[in-house]
Amino acid sequence: MSIFRVILAIIFPPLAVIGKGCGSIIIVFLLTLCGWVPGVIAALIILNKNN
């Protein structure tokens, strides 16, 4: 997880997880619509996962 992705996850969470697949983008986007904080938390969790 690079510092650029972390900053991007804080500013606009769906854009930070663009490399993780369509499902991750949709989940983070929906959580961001519900509230900014859940979207940021979900993006950071998805970015922290090792594949």
PDB file of N, CA and C in Angstrom:
ATOM      1  N   MET A   1       0.858  -1.161   0.000  1.00  0.00           N
ATOM      2  CA  MET A   1       0.000   0.000   0.000  1.00  0.00           C
ATOM      3  C   MET A   1       0.910   1.232   0.000  1.00  0.00           C
ATOM      4  N   SER A   2       0.850   1.981  -1.070  1.00  0.00           N
ATOM      5  CA  SER A   2       1.693   3.167  -1.191  1.00  0.00           C
ATOM      6  C   SER A   2       1.021   4.378  -0.546  1.00  0.00           C
ATOM      7  N   ILE A   3       1.813   5.368  -0.254  1.00  0.00           N
ATOM      8  CA  ILE A   3       1.296   6.589   0.369  1.00  0.00           C
ATOM      9  C   ILE A   3       0.340   7.314  -0.575  1.00  0.00           C
ATOM     10  N   PHE A   4       0.596   7.193  -1.887  1.00  0.00           N
ATOM     11  CA  PHE A   4      -0.295   7.808  -2.871  1.00  0.00           C
ATOM     12  C   PHE A   4      -1.683   7.187  -2.807  1.00  0.00           C
ATOM     13  N   ARG A   5      -1.756   5.864  -2.678  1.00  0.00           N
ATOM     14  CA  ARG A   5      -3.060   5.187  -2.581  1.00  0.00           C
ATOM     15  C   ARG A   5      -3.783   5.560  -1.288  1.00  0.00           C
ATOM     16  N   VAL A   6      -3.051   5.728  -0.210  1.00  0.00           N
ATOM     17  CA  VAL A   6      -3.675   6.105   1.066  1.00  0.00           C
ATOM     18  C   VAL A   6      -4.274   7.501   0.965  1.00  0.00           C
ATOM     19  N   ILE A   7      -3.521   8.430   0.389  1.00  0.00           N
ATOM     20  CA  ILE A   7      -4.036   9.791   0.220  1.00  0.00           C
ATOM     21  C   ILE A   7      -5.240   9.792  -0.708  1.00  0.00           C
ATOM     22  N   LEU A   8      -5.159   8.999  -1.772  1.00  0.00           N
ATOM     23  CA  LEU A   8      -6.282   8.896  -2.703  1.00  0.00           C
ATOM     24  C   LEU A   8      -7.500   8.264  -2.030  1.00  0.00           C
ATOM     25  N   ALA A   9      -7.281   7.298  -1.145  1.00  0.00           N
ATOM     26  CA  ALA A   9      -8.391   6.670  -0.411  1.00  0.00           C
ATOM     27  C   ALA A   9      -9.061   7.659   0.524  1.00  0.00           C
ATOM     28  N   ILE A  10      -8.317   8.607   1.041  1.00  0.00           N
ATOM     29  CA  ILE A  10      -8.900   9.608   1.933  1.00  0.00           C
ATOM     30  C   ILE A  10      -9.671  10.653   1.135  1.00  0.00           C
ATOM     31  N   ILE A  11      -9.141  11.035  -0.026  1.00  0.00           N
ATOM     32  CA  ILE A  11      -9.796  12.070  -0.829  1.00  0.00           C
ATOM     33  C   ILE A  11     -11.000  11.515  -1.592  1.00  0.00           C
ATOM     34  N   PHE A  12     -10.798  10.435  -2.342  1.00  0.00           N
ATOM     35  CA  PHE A  12     -11.881   9.832  -3.131  1.00  0.00           C
ATOM     36  C   PHE A  12     -11.711   8.320  -3.113  1.00  0.00           C
ATOM     37  N   PRO A  13     -12.346   7.634  -2.163  1.00  0.00           N
ATOM     38  CA  PRO A  13     -12.119   6.203  -1.940  1.00  0.00           C
ATOM     39  C   PRO A  13     -12.321   5.288  -3.153  1.00  0.00           C
ATOM     40  N   PRO A  14     -13.369   5.453  -3.985  1.00  0.00           N
ATOM     41  CA  PRO A  14     -13.520   4.512  -5.095  1.00  0.00           C
ATOM     42  C   PRO A  14     -12.363   4.544  -6.098  1.00  0.00           C
ATOM     43  N   LEU A  15     -11.749   5.681  -6.267  1.00  0.00           N
ATOM     44  CA  LEU A  15     -10.636   5.787  -7.202  1.00  0.00           C
ATOM     45  C   LEU A  15      -9.397   5.067  -6.683  1.00  0.00           C
ATOM     46  N   ALA A  16      -9.257   4.950  -5.390  1.00  0.00           N
ATOM     47  CA  ALA A  16      -8.089   4.292  -4.808  1.00  0.00           C
ATOM     48  C   ALA A  16      -8.101   2.789  -5.024  1.00  0.00           C
ATOM     49  N   VAL A  17      -9.289   2.183  -5.134  1.00  0.00           N
ATOM     50  CA  VAL A  17      -9.379   0.719  -5.277  1.00  0.00           C
ATOM     51  C   VAL A  17      -9.640   0.298  -6.716  1.00  0.00           C
ATOM     52  N   ILE A  18      -9.325   1.155  -7.667  1.00  0.00           N
ATOM     53  CA  ILE A  18      -9.642   0.869  -9.062  1.00  0.00           C
ATOM     54  C   ILE A  18      -8.898  -0.363  -9.593  1.00  0.00           C
ATOM     55  N   GLY A  19      -7.759  -0.685  -9.024  1.00  0.00           N
ATOM     56  CA  GLY A  19      -7.001  -1.844  -9.481  1.00  0.00           C
ATOM     57  C   GLY A  19      -7.412  -3.146  -8.824  1.00  0.00           C
ATOM     58  N   LYS A  20      -8.349  -3.127  -7.909  1.00  0.00           N
ATOM     59  CA  LYS A  20      -8.742  -4.317  -7.157  1.00  0.00           C
ATOM     60  C   LYS A  20      -9.964  -5.033  -7.734  1.00  0.00           C
ATOM     61  N   GLY A  21     -10.567  -4.514  -8.790  1.00  0.00           N
ATOM     62  CA  GLY A  21     -11.699  -5.180  -9.406  1.00  0.00           C
ATOM     63  C   GLY A  21     -12.981  -4.384  -9.302  1.00  0.00           C
ATOM     64  N   CYS A  22     -13.931  -4.780 -10.125  1.00  0.00           N
ATOM     65  CA  CYS A  22     -15.197  -4.057 -10.233  1.00  0.00           C
ATOM     66  C   CYS A  22     -16.030  -4.151  -8.951  1.00  0.00           C
ATOM     67  N   GLY A  23     -16.012  -5.303  -8.312  1.00  0.00           N
ATOM     68  CA  GLY A  23     -16.803  -5.480  -7.099  1.00  0.00           C
ATOM     69  C   GLY A  23     -16.331  -4.579  -5.979  1.00  0.00           C
ATOM     70  N   SER A  24     -15.039  -4.434  -5.854  1.00  0.00           N
ATOM     71  CA  SER A  24     -14.494  -3.562  -4.812  1.00  0.00           C
ATOM     72  C   SER A  24     -14.864  -2.110  -5.063  1.00  0.00           C
ATOM     73  N   ILE A  25     -14.827  -1.702  -6.318  1.00  0.00           N
ATOM     74  CA  ILE A  25     -15.178  -0.323  -6.663  1.00  0.00           C
ATOM     75  C   ILE A  25     -16.633  -0.044  -6.316  1.00  0.00           C
ATOM     76  N   ILE A  26     -17.509  -0.983  -6.648  1.00  0.00           N
ATOM     77  CA  ILE A  26     -18.940  -0.793  -6.382  1.00  0.00           C
ATOM     78  C   ILE A  26     -19.214  -0.738  -4.884  1.00  0.00           C
ATOM     79  N   ILE A  27     -18.595  -1.647  -4.124  1.00  0.00           N
ATOM     80  CA  ILE A  27     -18.806  -1.670  -2.675  1.00  0.00           C
ATOM     81  C   ILE A  27     -18.330  -0.373  -2.038  1.00  0.00           C
ATOM     82  N   VAL A  28     -17.134   0.071  -2.412  1.00  0.00           N
ATOM     83  CA  VAL A  28     -16.590   1.298  -1.834  1.00  0.00           C
ATOM     84  C   VAL A  28     -17.417   2.502  -2.271  1.00  0.00           C
ATOM     85  N   PHE A  29     -17.884   2.509  -3.510  1.00  0.00           N
ATOM     86  CA  PHE A  29     -18.709   3.615  -3.986  1.00  0.00           C
ATOM     87  C   PHE A  29     -20.019   3.696  -3.213  1.00  0.00           C
ATOM     88  N   LEU A  30     -20.671   2.559  -2.990  1.00  0.00           N
ATOM     89  CA  LEU A  30     -21.927   2.557  -2.241  1.00  0.00           C
ATOM     90  C   LEU A  30     -21.713   2.982  -0.785  1.00  0.00           C
ATOM     91  N   LEU A  31     -20.629   2.518  -0.195  1.00  0.00           N
ATOM     92  CA  LEU A  31     -20.343   2.935   1.180  1.00  0.00           C
ATOM     93  C   LEU A  31     -19.999   4.418   1.250  1.00  0.00           C
ATOM     94  N   THR A  32     -19.351   4.936   0.229  1.00  0.00           N
ATOM     95  CA  THR A  32     -19.044   6.366   0.195  1.00  0.00           C
ATOM     96  C   THR A  32     -20.319   7.180   0.051  1.00  0.00           C
ATOM     97  N   LEU A  33     -21.296   6.660  -0.689  1.00  0.00           N
ATOM     98  CA  LEU A  33     -22.579   7.358  -0.800  1.00  0.00           C
ATOM     99  C   LEU A  33     -23.310   7.388   0.543  1.00  0.00           C
ATOM    100  N   CYS A  34     -23.160   6.326   1.322  1.00  0.00           N
ATOM    101  CA  CYS A  34     -23.794   6.290   2.645  1.00  0.00           C
ATOM    102  C   CYS A  34     -23.115   7.241   3.617  1.00  0.00           C
ATOM    103  N   GLY A  35     -21.851   7.439   3.416  1.00  0.00           N
ATOM    104  CA  GLY A  35     -21.080   8.325   4.290  1.00  0.00           C
ATOM    105  C   GLY A  35     -19.627   8.258   3.906  1.00  0.00           C
ATOM    106  N   TRP A  36     -18.933   9.346   4.064  1.00  0.00           N
ATOM    107  CA  TRP A  36     -17.544   9.404   3.630  1.00  0.00           C
ATOM    108  C   TRP A  36     -16.650   8.468   4.449  1.00  0.00           C
ATOM    109  N   VAL A  37     -16.869   8.410   5.751  1.00  0.00           N
ATOM    110  CA  VAL A  37     -16.020   7.611   6.636  1.00  0.00           C
ATOM    111  C   VAL A  37     -16.107   6.117   6.330  1.00  0.00           C
ATOM    112  N   PRO A  38     -17.300   5.530   6.143  1.00  0.00           N
ATOM    113  CA  PRO A  38     -17.337   4.105   5.791  1.00  0.00           C
ATOM    114  C   PRO A  38     -16.631   3.795   4.471  1.00  0.00           C
ATOM    115  N   GLY A  39     -16.715   4.697   3.522  1.00  0.00           N
ATOM    116  CA  GLY A  39     -16.030   4.497   2.251  1.00  0.00           C
ATOM    117  C   GLY A  39     -14.526   4.513   2.414  1.00  0.00           C
ATOM    118  N   VAL A  40     -14.016   5.428   3.227  1.00  0.00           N
ATOM    119  CA  VAL A  40     -12.573   5.507   3.472  1.00  0.00           C
ATOM    120  C   VAL A  40     -12.087   4.257   4.205  1.00  0.00           C
ATOM    121  N   ILE A  41     -12.836   3.823   5.204  1.00  0.00           N
ATOM    122  CA  ILE A  41     -12.444   2.633   5.962  1.00  0.00           C
ATOM    123  C   ILE A  41     -12.434   1.401   5.060  1.00  0.00           C
ATOM    124  N   ALA A  42     -13.459   1.243   4.238  1.00  0.00           N
ATOM    125  CA  ALA A  42     -13.515   0.098   3.330  1.00  0.00           C
ATOM    126  C   ALA A  42     -12.381   0.145   2.313  1.00  0.00           C
ATOM    127  N   ALA A  43     -12.079   1.312   1.786  1.00  0.00           N
ATOM    128  CA  ALA A  43     -10.987   1.435   0.823  1.00  0.00           C
ATOM    129  C   ALA A  43      -9.653   1.078   1.466  1.00  0.00           C
ATOM    130  N   LEU A  44      -9.419   1.534   2.682  1.00  0.00           N
ATOM    131  CA  LEU A  44      -8.162   1.217   3.357  1.00  0.00           C
ATOM    132  C   LEU A  44      -8.060  -0.271   3.674  1.00  0.00           C
ATOM    133  N   ILE A  45      -9.162  -0.900   4.038  1.00  0.00           N
ATOM    134  CA  ILE A  45      -9.153  -2.342   4.311  1.00  0.00           C
ATOM    135  C   ILE A  45      -8.868  -3.117   3.024  1.00  0.00           C
ATOM    136  N   ILE A  46      -9.515  -2.730   1.931  1.00  0.00           N
ATOM    137  CA  ILE A  46      -9.301  -3.424   0.656  1.00  0.00           C
ATOM    138  C   ILE A  46      -7.870  -3.222   0.168  1.00  0.00           C
ATOM    139  N   LEU A  47      -7.333  -2.035   0.339  1.00  0.00           N
ATOM    140  CA  LEU A  47      -5.956  -1.780  -0.082  1.00  0.00           C
ATOM    141  C   LEU A  47      -4.951  -2.519   0.788  1.00  0.00           C
ATOM    142  N   ASN A  48      -5.286  -2.783   2.030  1.00  0.00           N
ATOM    143  CA  ASN A  48      -4.385  -3.459   2.957  1.00  0.00           C
ATOM    144  C   ASN A  48      -4.357  -4.962   2.767  1.00  0.00           C
ATOM    145  N   LYS A  49      -5.378  -5.546   2.115  1.00  0.00           N
ATOM    146  CA  LYS A  49      -5.431  -6.980   1.890  1.00  0.00           C
ATOM    147  C   LYS A  49      -4.346  -7.414   0.915  1.00  0.00           C
ATOM    148  N   ASN A  50      -3.704  -8.531   1.209  1.00  0.00           N
ATOM    149  CA  ASN A  50      -2.726  -9.103   0.285  1.00  0.00           C
ATOM    150  C   ASN A  50      -3.412 -10.149  -0.581  1.00  0.00           C
ATOM    151  N   ASN A  51      -3.124 -10.111  -1.854  1.00  0.00           N
ATOM    152  CA  ASN A  51      -3.711 -11.108  -2.773  1.00  0.00           C
ATOM    153  C   ASN A  51      -2.739 -12.206  -3.029  1.00  0.00           C
TER     154      ASN A  51
END
